[in-house]
Structures are given as structure tokens and as C-alpha cells.
Amino acid sequence: RFLRTNTDLHRSGPKTTFSAAAGPNVTAAASDPHQH
């Protein structure tokens, strides 16, 4: 249920991230909603 709901949120919701989610030593989030 979490994966399906979270996938739908990433498909339709705004592309916002926490400040800790970006940086030179942090891998970028997956562009694919299901993988995210």
C-alpha cells in the first residue's frame, strides 16, 4: 500500500525535497516515481 500510494504522490505531487536530500555527496533521487 505504501509503495502504490507513494508512487501516485510522486507522479502527481510537486517535486520538492528536504534540504538534506541534496548535496555533493548525496545520490540524487530517482526520476522514476516507482523507484523513488
ModelCIF file with pLDDT and N, C-alpha, C, O atoms, coordinates in Angstrom:
data_MODEL
#
_entry.id   MODEL 
#
_entity.id                         1 
_entity.type                       polymer 
_entity.pdbx_number_of_molecules   1 
#
_entity_poly.entity_id                      1 
_entity_poly.type                           'polypeptide(L)' 
_entity_poly.nstd_linkage                   no 
_entity_poly.nstd_monomer                   no 
_entity_poly.pdbx_seq_one_letter_code       RFLRTNTDLHRSGPKTTFSAAAGPNVTAAASDPHQH 
_entity_poly.pdbx_seq_one_letter_code_can   RFLRTNTDLHRSGPKTTFSAAAGPNVTAAASDPHQH 
_entity_poly.pdbx_strand_id                 A 
#
loop_
_entity_poly_seq.entity_id 
_entity_poly_seq.num 
_entity_poly_seq.mon_id 
_entity_poly_seq.hetero 
1 1  ARG n 
1 2  PHE n 
1 3  LEU n 
1 4  ARG n 
1 5  THR n 
1 6  ASN n 
1 7  THR n 
1 8  ASP n 
1 9  LEU n 
1 10 HIS n 
1 11 ARG n 
1 12 SER n 
1 13 GLY n 
1 14 PRO n 
1 15 LYS n 
1 16 THR n 
1 17 THR n 
1 18 PHE n 
1 19 SER n 
1 20 ALA n 
1 21 ALA n 
1 22 ALA n 
1 23 GLY n 
1 24 PRO n 
1 25 ASN n 
1 26 VAL n 
1 27 THR n 
1 28 ALA n 
1 29 ALA n 
1 30 ALA n 
1 31 SER n 
1 32 ASP n 
1 33 PRO n 
1 34 HIS n 
1 35 GLN n 
1 36 HIS n 
#
_struct_asym.id          A 
_struct_asym.entity_id   1 
#
loop_
_ma_qa_metric.id 
_ma_qa_metric.mode 
_ma_qa_metric.name 
_ma_qa_metric.software_group_id 
_ma_qa_metric.type 
1 global pLDDT . pLDDT 
2 local  pLDDT . pLDDT 
#
_ma_qa_metric_global.metric_id      1 
_ma_qa_metric_global.metric_value   77.89 
_ma_qa_metric_global.model_id       1 
_ma_qa_metric_global.ordinal_id     1 
#
loop_
_ma_qa_metric_local.label_asym_id 
_ma_qa_metric_local.label_comp_id 
_ma_qa_metric_local.label_seq_id 
_ma_qa_metric_local.metric_id 
_ma_qa_metric_local.metric_value 
_ma_qa_metric_local.model_id 
_ma_qa_metric_local.ordinal_id 
A ARG 1  2 94.00 1 1  
A PHE 2  2 95.00 1 2  
A LEU 3  2 93.00 1 3  
A ARG 4  2 92.00 1 4  
A THR 5  2 93.00 1 5  
A ASN 6  2 92.00 1 6  
A THR 7  2 91.00 1 7  
A ASP 8  2 90.00 1 8  
A LEU 9  2 89.00 1 9  
A HIS 10 2 86.00 1 10 
A ARG 11 2 86.00 1 11 
A SER 12 2 83.00 1 12 
A GLY 13 2 71.00 1 13 
A PRO 14 2 65.00 1 14 
A LYS 15 2 61.00 1 15 
A THR 16 2 60.00 1 16 
A THR 17 2 58.00 1 17 
A PHE 18 2 54.00 1 18 
A SER 19 2 51.00 1 19 
A ALA 20 2 54.00 1 20 
A ALA 21 2 52.00 1 21 
A ALA 22 2 51.00 1 22 
A GLY 23 2 55.00 1 23 
A PRO 24 2 59.00 1 24 
A ASN 25 2 67.00 1 25 
A VAL 26 2 75.00 1 26 
A THR 27 2 82.00 1 27 
A ALA 28 2 86.00 1 28 
A ALA 29 2 87.00 1 29 
A ALA 30 2 88.00 1 30 
A SER 31 2 88.00 1 31 
A ASP 32 2 90.00 1 32 
A PRO 33 2 90.00 1 33 
A HIS 34 2 91.00 1 34 
A GLN 35 2 92.00 1 35 
A HIS 36 2 93.00 1 36 
#
loop_
_atom_site.group_PDB 
_atom_site.id 
_atom_site.type_symbol 
_atom_site.label_atom_id 
_atom_site.label_alt_id 
_atom_site.label_comp_id 
_atom_site.label_asym_id 
_atom_site.label_entity_id 
_atom_site.label_seq_id 
_atom_site.pdbx_PDB_ins_code 
_atom_site.Cartn_x 
_atom_site.Cartn_y 
_atom_site.Cartn_z 
_atom_site.occupancy 
_atom_site.B_iso_or_equiv 
_atom_site.pdbx_formal_charge 
_atom_site.auth_seq_id 
_atom_site.auth_comp_id 
_atom_site.auth_asym_id 
_atom_site.auth_atom_id 
_atom_site.pdbx_PDB_model_num 
ATOM 1   N N  . ARG A 1 1  ? 0.844  -1.206 0.000   1.00 94.00 ? 1  ARG A N  1 
ATOM 2   C CA . ARG A 1 1  ? 0.000  0.000  0.000   1.00 94.00 ? 1  ARG A CA 1 
ATOM 3   C C  . ARG A 1 1  ? 0.879  1.255  0.000   1.00 94.00 ? 1  ARG A C  1 
ATOM 4   O O  . ARG A 1 1  ? 0.595  2.230  -0.697  1.00 94.00 ? 1  ARG A O  1 
ATOM 5   N N  . PHE A 1 2  ? 1.953  1.207  0.799   1.00 95.00 ? 2  PHE A N  1 
ATOM 6   C CA . PHE A 1 2  ? 2.856  2.365  0.872   1.00 95.00 ? 2  PHE A CA 1 
ATOM 7   C C  . PHE A 1 2  ? 3.478  2.641  -0.496  1.00 95.00 ? 2  PHE A C  1 
ATOM 8   O O  . PHE A 1 2  ? 3.546  3.794  -0.922  1.00 95.00 ? 2  PHE A O  1 
ATOM 9   N N  . LEU A 1 3  ? 3.934  1.586  -1.190  1.00 93.00 ? 3  LEU A N  1 
ATOM 10  C CA . LEU A 1 3  ? 4.591  1.786  -2.485  1.00 93.00 ? 3  LEU A CA 1 
ATOM 11  C C  . LEU A 1 3  ? 3.621  2.355  -3.517  1.00 93.00 ? 3  LEU A C  1 
ATOM 12  O O  . LEU A 1 3  ? 3.973  3.262  -4.272  1.00 93.00 ? 3  LEU A O  1 
ATOM 13  N N  . ARG A 1 4  ? 2.404  1.822  -3.547  1.00 92.00 ? 4  ARG A N  1 
ATOM 14  C CA . ARG A 1 4  ? 1.436  2.327  -4.525  1.00 92.00 ? 4  ARG A CA 1 
ATOM 15  C C  . ARG A 1 4  ? 1.056  3.772  -4.222  1.00 92.00 ? 4  ARG A C  1 
ATOM 16  O O  . ARG A 1 4  ? 1.012  4.610  -5.123  1.00 92.00 ? 4  ARG A O  1 
ATOM 17  N N  . THR A 1 5  ? 0.778  4.066  -2.934  1.00 93.00 ? 5  THR A N  1 
ATOM 18  C CA . THR A 1 5  ? 0.383  5.433  -2.567  1.00 93.00 ? 5  THR A CA 1 
ATOM 19  C C  . THR A 1 5  ? 1.521  6.410  -2.817  1.00 93.00 ? 5  THR A C  1 
ATOM 20  O O  . THR A 1 5  ? 1.306  7.502  -3.344  1.00 93.00 ? 5  THR A O  1 
ATOM 21  N N  . ASN A 1 6  ? 2.732  6.016  -2.439  1.00 92.00 ? 6  ASN A N  1 
ATOM 22  C CA . ASN A 1 6  ? 3.877  6.895  -2.607  1.00 92.00 ? 6  ASN A CA 1 
ATOM 23  C C  . ASN A 1 6  ? 4.190  7.120  -4.084  1.00 92.00 ? 6  ASN A C  1 
ATOM 24  O O  . ASN A 1 6  ? 4.582  8.218  -4.480  1.00 92.00 ? 6  ASN A O  1 
ATOM 25  N N  . THR A 1 7  ? 4.017  6.087  -4.889  1.00 91.00 ? 7  THR A N  1 
ATOM 26  C CA . THR A 1 7  ? 4.236  6.241  -6.333  1.00 91.00 ? 7  THR A CA 1 
ATOM 27  C C  . THR A 1 7  ? 3.263  7.246  -6.920  1.00 91.00 ? 7  THR A C  1 
ATOM 28  O O  . THR A 1 7  ? 3.658  8.098  -7.716  1.00 91.00 ? 7  THR A O  1 
ATOM 29  N N  . ASP A 1 8  ? 1.990  7.157  -6.536  1.00 90.00 ? 8  ASP A N  1 
ATOM 30  C CA . ASP A 1 8  ? 0.986  8.107  -7.032  1.00 90.00 ? 8  ASP A CA 1 
ATOM 31  C C  . ASP A 1 8  ? 1.314  9.525  -6.599  1.00 90.00 ? 8  ASP A C  1 
ATOM 32  O O  . ASP A 1 8  ? 1.123  10.468 -7.367  1.00 90.00 ? 8  ASP A O  1 
ATOM 33  N N  . LEU A 1 9  ? 1.809  9.687  -5.370  1.00 89.00 ? 9  LEU A N  1 
ATOM 34  C CA . LEU A 1 9  ? 2.155  11.027 -4.888  1.00 89.00 ? 9  LEU A CA 1 
ATOM 35  C C  . LEU A 1 9  ? 3.283  11.630 -5.713  1.00 89.00 ? 9  LEU A C  1 
ATOM 36  O O  . LEU A 1 9  ? 3.261  12.818 -6.034  1.00 89.00 ? 9  LEU A O  1 
ATOM 37  N N  . HIS A 1 10 ? 4.267  10.804 -6.054  1.00 86.00 ? 10 HIS A N  1 
ATOM 38  C CA . HIS A 1 10 ? 5.397  11.323 -6.842  1.00 86.00 ? 10 HIS A CA 1 
ATOM 39  C C  . HIS A 1 10 ? 4.992  11.611 -8.286  1.00 86.00 ? 10 HIS A C  1 
ATOM 40  O O  . HIS A 1 10 ? 5.588  12.463 -8.945  1.00 86.00 ? 10 HIS A O  1 
ATOM 41  N N  . ARG A 1 11 ? 3.991  10.905 -8.768  1.00 86.00 ? 11 ARG A N  1 
ATOM 42  C CA . ARG A 1 11 ? 3.537  11.168 -10.131 1.00 86.00 ? 11 ARG A CA 1 
ATOM 43  C C  . ARG A 1 11 ? 2.746  12.464 -10.240 1.00 86.00 ? 11 ARG A C  1 
ATOM 44  O O  . ARG A 1 11 ? 2.826  13.174 -11.243 1.00 86.00 ? 11 ARG A O  1 
ATOM 45  N N  . SER A 1 12 ? 1.986  12.760 -9.200  1.00 83.00 ? 12 SER A N  1 
ATOM 46  C CA . SER A 1 12 ? 1.078  13.910 -9.276  1.00 83.00 ? 12 SER A CA 1 
ATOM 47  C C  . SER A 1 12 ? 1.496  15.090 -8.421  1.00 83.00 ? 12 SER A C  1 
ATOM 48  O O  . SER A 1 12 ? 1.108  16.224 -8.700  1.00 83.00 ? 12 SER A O  1 
ATOM 49  N N  . GLY A 1 13 ? 2.289  14.838 -7.375  1.00 71.00 ? 13 GLY A N  1 
ATOM 50  C CA . GLY A 1 13 ? 2.621  15.900 -6.437  1.00 71.00 ? 13 GLY A CA 1 
ATOM 51  C C  . GLY A 1 13 ? 3.765  16.768 -6.901  1.00 71.00 ? 13 GLY A C  1 
ATOM 52  O O  . GLY A 1 13 ? 4.412  16.440 -7.895  1.00 71.00 ? 13 GLY A O  1 
ATOM 53  N N  . PRO A 1 14 ? 4.045  17.892 -6.202  1.00 65.00 ? 14 PRO A N  1 
ATOM 54  C CA . PRO A 1 14 ? 5.176  18.776 -6.549  1.00 65.00 ? 14 PRO A CA 1 
ATOM 55  C C  . PRO A 1 14 ? 6.507  18.103 -6.256  1.00 65.00 ? 14 PRO A C  1 
ATOM 56  O O  . PRO A 1 14 ? 6.609  17.287 -5.340  1.00 65.00 ? 14 PRO A O  1 
ATOM 57  N N  . LYS A 1 15 ? 7.513  18.442 -7.023  1.00 61.00 ? 15 LYS A N  1 
ATOM 58  C CA . LYS A 1 15 ? 8.842  17.852 -6.875  1.00 61.00 ? 15 LYS A CA 1 
ATOM 59  C C  . LYS A 1 15 ? 9.650  18.655 -5.853  1.00 61.00 ? 15 LYS A C  1 
ATOM 60  O O  . LYS A 1 15 ? 10.557 19.401 -6.223  1.00 61.00 ? 15 LYS A O  1 
ATOM 61  N N  . THR A 1 16 ? 9.326  18.504 -4.591  1.00 60.00 ? 16 THR A N  1 
ATOM 62  C CA . THR A 1 16 ? 10.053 19.197 -3.517  1.00 60.00 ? 16 THR A CA 1 
ATOM 63  C C  . THR A 1 16 ? 10.851 18.173 -2.724  1.00 60.00 ? 16 THR A C  1 
ATOM 64  O O  . THR A 1 16 ? 10.448 17.018 -2.592  1.00 60.00 ? 16 THR A O  1 
ATOM 65  N N  . THR A 1 17 ? 11.971 18.608 -2.206  1.00 58.00 ? 17 THR A N  1 
ATOM 66  C CA . THR A 1 17 ? 12.835 17.729 -1.416  1.00 58.00 ? 17 THR A CA 1 
ATOM 67  C C  . THR A 1 17 ? 13.265 18.441 -0.155  1.00 58.00 ? 17 THR A C  1 
ATOM 68  O O  . THR A 1 17 ? 13.227 19.669 -0.079  1.00 58.00 ? 17 THR A O  1 
ATOM 69  N N  . PHE A 1 18 ? 13.677 17.665 0.840   1.00 54.00 ? 18 PHE A N  1 
ATOM 70  C CA . PHE A 1 18 ? 14.252 18.219 2.056   1.00 54.00 ? 18 PHE A CA 1 
ATOM 71  C C  . PHE A 1 18 ? 15.635 18.770 1.742   1.00 54.00 ? 18 PHE A C  1 
ATOM 72  O O  . PHE A 1 18 ? 16.259 18.389 0.752   1.00 54.00 ? 18 PHE A O  1 
ATOM 73  N N  . SER A 1 19 ? 16.104 19.671 2.596   1.00 51.00 ? 19 SER A N  1 
ATOM 74  C CA . SER A 1 19 ? 17.438 20.244 2.382   1.00 51.00 ? 19 SER A CA 1 
ATOM 75  C C  . SER A 1 19 ? 18.517 19.187 2.470   1.00 51.00 ? 19 SER A C  1 
ATOM 76  O O  . SER A 1 19 ? 19.554 19.300 1.816   1.00 51.00 ? 19 SER A O  1 
ATOM 77  N N  . ALA A 1 20 ? 18.279 18.135 3.292   1.00 54.00 ? 20 ALA A N  1 
ATOM 78  C CA . ALA A 1 20 ? 19.274 17.078 3.424   1.00 54.00 ? 20 ALA A CA 1 
ATOM 79  C C  . ALA A 1 20 ? 19.295 16.146 2.224   1.00 54.00 ? 20 ALA A C  1 
ATOM 80  O O  . ALA A 1 20 ? 20.187 15.306 2.105   1.00 54.00 ? 20 ALA A O  1 
ATOM 81  N N  . ALA A 1 21 ? 18.290 16.293 1.311   1.00 52.00 ? 21 ALA A N  1 
ATOM 82  C CA . ALA A 1 21 ? 18.185 15.356 0.198   1.00 52.00 ? 21 ALA A CA 1 
ATOM 83  C C  . ALA A 1 21 ? 19.057 15.725 -0.981  1.00 52.00 ? 21 ALA A C  1 
ATOM 84  O O  . ALA A 1 21 ? 19.057 15.014 -1.986  1.00 52.00 ? 21 ALA A O  1 
ATOM 85  N N  . ALA A 1 22 ? 19.802 16.816 -0.891  1.00 51.00 ? 22 ALA A N  1 
ATOM 86  C CA . ALA A 1 22 ? 20.664 17.239 -1.990  1.00 51.00 ? 22 ALA A CA 1 
ATOM 87  C C  . ALA A 1 22 ? 22.025 17.623 -1.455  1.00 51.00 ? 22 ALA A C  1 
ATOM 88  O O  . ALA A 1 22 ? 22.174 17.994 -0.290  1.00 51.00 ? 22 ALA A O  1 
ATOM 89  N N  . GLY A 1 23 ? 23.003 17.527 -2.316  1.00 55.00 ? 23 GLY A N  1 
ATOM 90  C CA . GLY A 1 23 ? 24.362 17.874 -1.896  1.00 55.00 ? 23 GLY A CA 1 
ATOM 91  C C  . GLY A 1 23 ? 25.377 17.126 -2.733  1.00 55.00 ? 23 GLY A C  1 
ATOM 92  O O  . GLY A 1 23 ? 25.017 16.198 -3.456  1.00 55.00 ? 23 GLY A O  1 
ATOM 93  N N  . PRO A 1 24 ? 26.647 17.516 -2.647  1.00 59.00 ? 24 PRO A N  1 
ATOM 94  C CA . PRO A 1 24 ? 27.674 16.887 -3.470  1.00 59.00 ? 24 PRO A CA 1 
ATOM 95  C C  . PRO A 1 24 ? 27.911 15.422 -3.140  1.00 59.00 ? 24 PRO A C  1 
ATOM 96  O O  . PRO A 1 24 ? 28.385 14.671 -3.993  1.00 59.00 ? 24 PRO A O  1 
ATOM 97  N N  . ASN A 1 25 ? 27.589 14.996 -1.908  1.00 67.00 ? 25 ASN A N  1 
ATOM 98  C CA . ASN A 1 25 ? 27.852 13.618 -1.506  1.00 67.00 ? 25 ASN A CA 1 
ATOM 99  C C  . ASN A 1 25 ? 26.582 12.793 -1.374  1.00 67.00 ? 25 ASN A C  1 
ATOM 100 O O  . ASN A 1 25 ? 26.618 11.696 -0.816  1.00 67.00 ? 25 ASN A O  1 
ATOM 101 N N  . VAL A 1 26 ? 25.468 13.294 -1.871  1.00 75.00 ? 26 VAL A N  1 
ATOM 102 C CA . VAL A 1 26 ? 24.190 12.606 -1.777  1.00 75.00 ? 26 VAL A CA 1 
ATOM 103 C C  . VAL A 1 26 ? 23.727 12.215 -3.169  1.00 75.00 ? 26 VAL A C  1 
ATOM 104 O O  . VAL A 1 26 ? 23.689 13.045 -4.077  1.00 75.00 ? 26 VAL A O  1 
ATOM 105 N N  . THR A 1 27 ? 23.375 10.940 -3.331  1.00 82.00 ? 27 THR A N  1 
ATOM 106 C CA . THR A 1 27 ? 22.858 10.460 -4.604  1.00 82.00 ? 27 THR A CA 1 
ATOM 107 C C  . THR A 1 27 ? 21.490 11.090 -4.869  1.00 82.00 ? 27 THR A C  1 
ATOM 108 O O  . THR A 1 27 ? 20.636 11.134 -3.982  1.00 82.00 ? 27 THR A O  1 
ATOM 109 N N  . ALA A 1 28 ? 21.293 11.569 -6.077  1.00 86.00 ? 28 ALA A N  1 
ATOM 110 C CA . ALA A 1 28 ? 20.027 12.211 -6.416  1.00 86.00 ? 28 ALA A CA 1 
ATOM 111 C C  . ALA A 1 28 ? 18.890 11.194 -6.385  1.00 86.00 ? 28 ALA A C  1 
ATOM 112 O O  . ALA A 1 28 ? 19.090 10.013 -6.671  1.00 86.00 ? 28 ALA A O  1 
ATOM 113 N N  . ALA A 1 29 ? 17.697 11.668 -6.035  1.00 87.00 ? 29 ALA A N  1 
ATOM 114 C CA . ALA A 1 29 ? 16.527 10.802 -6.001  1.00 87.00 ? 29 ALA A CA 1 
ATOM 115 C C  . ALA A 1 29 ? 16.204 10.310 -7.403  1.00 87.00 ? 29 ALA A C  1 
ATOM 116 O O  . ALA A 1 29 ? 16.461 11.001 -8.389  1.00 87.00 ? 29 ALA A O  1 
ATOM 117 N N  . ALA A 1 30 ? 15.637 9.109  -7.485  1.00 88.00 ? 30 ALA A N  1 
ATOM 118 C CA . ALA A 1 30 ? 15.294 8.531  -8.779  1.00 88.00 ? 30 ALA A CA 1 
ATOM 119 C C  . ALA A 1 30 ? 14.202 9.361  -9.461  1.00 88.00 ? 30 ALA A C  1 
ATOM 120 O O  . ALA A 1 30 ? 13.280 9.852  -8.810  1.00 88.00 ? 30 ALA A O  1 
ATOM 121 N N  . SER A 1 31 ? 14.323 9.506  -10.762 1.00 88.00 ? 31 SER A N  1 
ATOM 122 C CA . SER A 1 31 ? 13.303 10.245 -11.515 1.00 88.00 ? 31 SER A CA 1 
ATOM 123 C C  . SER A 1 31 ? 12.046 9.415  -11.723 1.00 88.00 ? 31 SER A C  1 
ATOM 124 O O  . SER A 1 31 ? 10.956 9.960  -11.900 1.00 88.00 ? 31 SER A O  1 
ATOM 125 N N  . ASP A 1 32 ? 12.200 8.094  -11.702 1.00 90.00 ? 32 ASP A N  1 
ATOM 126 C CA . ASP A 1 32 ? 11.049 7.209  -11.858 1.00 90.00 ? 32 ASP A CA 1 
ATOM 127 C C  . ASP A 1 32 ? 10.242 7.193  -10.557 1.00 90.00 ? 32 ASP A C  1 
ATOM 128 O O  . ASP A 1 32 ? 10.801 6.874  -9.508  1.00 90.00 ? 32 ASP A O  1 
ATOM 129 N N  . PRO A 1 33 ? 8.956  7.522  -10.589 1.00 90.00 ? 33 PRO A N  1 
ATOM 130 C CA . PRO A 1 33 ? 8.156  7.573  -9.357  1.00 90.00 ? 33 PRO A CA 1 
ATOM 131 C C  . PRO A 1 33 ? 8.143  6.260  -8.587  1.00 90.00 ? 33 PRO A C  1 
ATOM 132 O O  . PRO A 1 33 ? 8.185  6.258  -7.357  1.00 90.00 ? 33 PRO A O  1 
ATOM 133 N N  . HIS A 1 34 ? 8.085  5.125  -9.321  1.00 91.00 ? 34 HIS A N  1 
ATOM 134 C CA . HIS A 1 34 ? 8.036  3.838  -8.633  1.00 91.00 ? 34 HIS A CA 1 
ATOM 135 C C  . HIS A 1 34 ? 9.347  3.574  -7.887  1.00 91.00 ? 34 HIS A C  1 
ATOM 136 O O  . HIS A 1 34 ? 9.330  3.100  -6.751  1.00 91.00 ? 34 HIS A O  1 
ATOM 137 N N  . GLN A 1 35 ? 10.484 3.882  -8.527  1.00 92.00 ? 35 GLN A N  1 
ATOM 138 C CA . GLN A 1 35 ? 11.776 3.680  -7.866  1.00 92.00 ? 35 GLN A CA 1 
ATOM 139 C C  . GLN A 1 35 ? 11.947 4.655  -6.711  1.00 92.00 ? 35 GLN A C  1 
ATOM 140 O O  . GLN A 1 35 ? 12.532 4.308  -5.684  1.00 92.00 ? 35 GLN A O  1 
ATOM 141 N N  . HIS A 1 36 ? 11.439 5.875  -6.873  1.00 93.00 ? 36 HIS A N  1 
ATOM 142 C CA . HIS A 1 36 ? 11.512 6.859  -5.782  1.00 93.00 ? 36 HIS A CA 1 
ATOM 143 C C  . HIS A 1 36 ? 10.736 6.349  -4.569  1.00 93.00 ? 36 HIS A C  1 
ATOM 144 O O  . HIS A 1 36 ? 10.674 7.030  -3.545  1.00 93.00 ? 36 HIS A O  1 
#
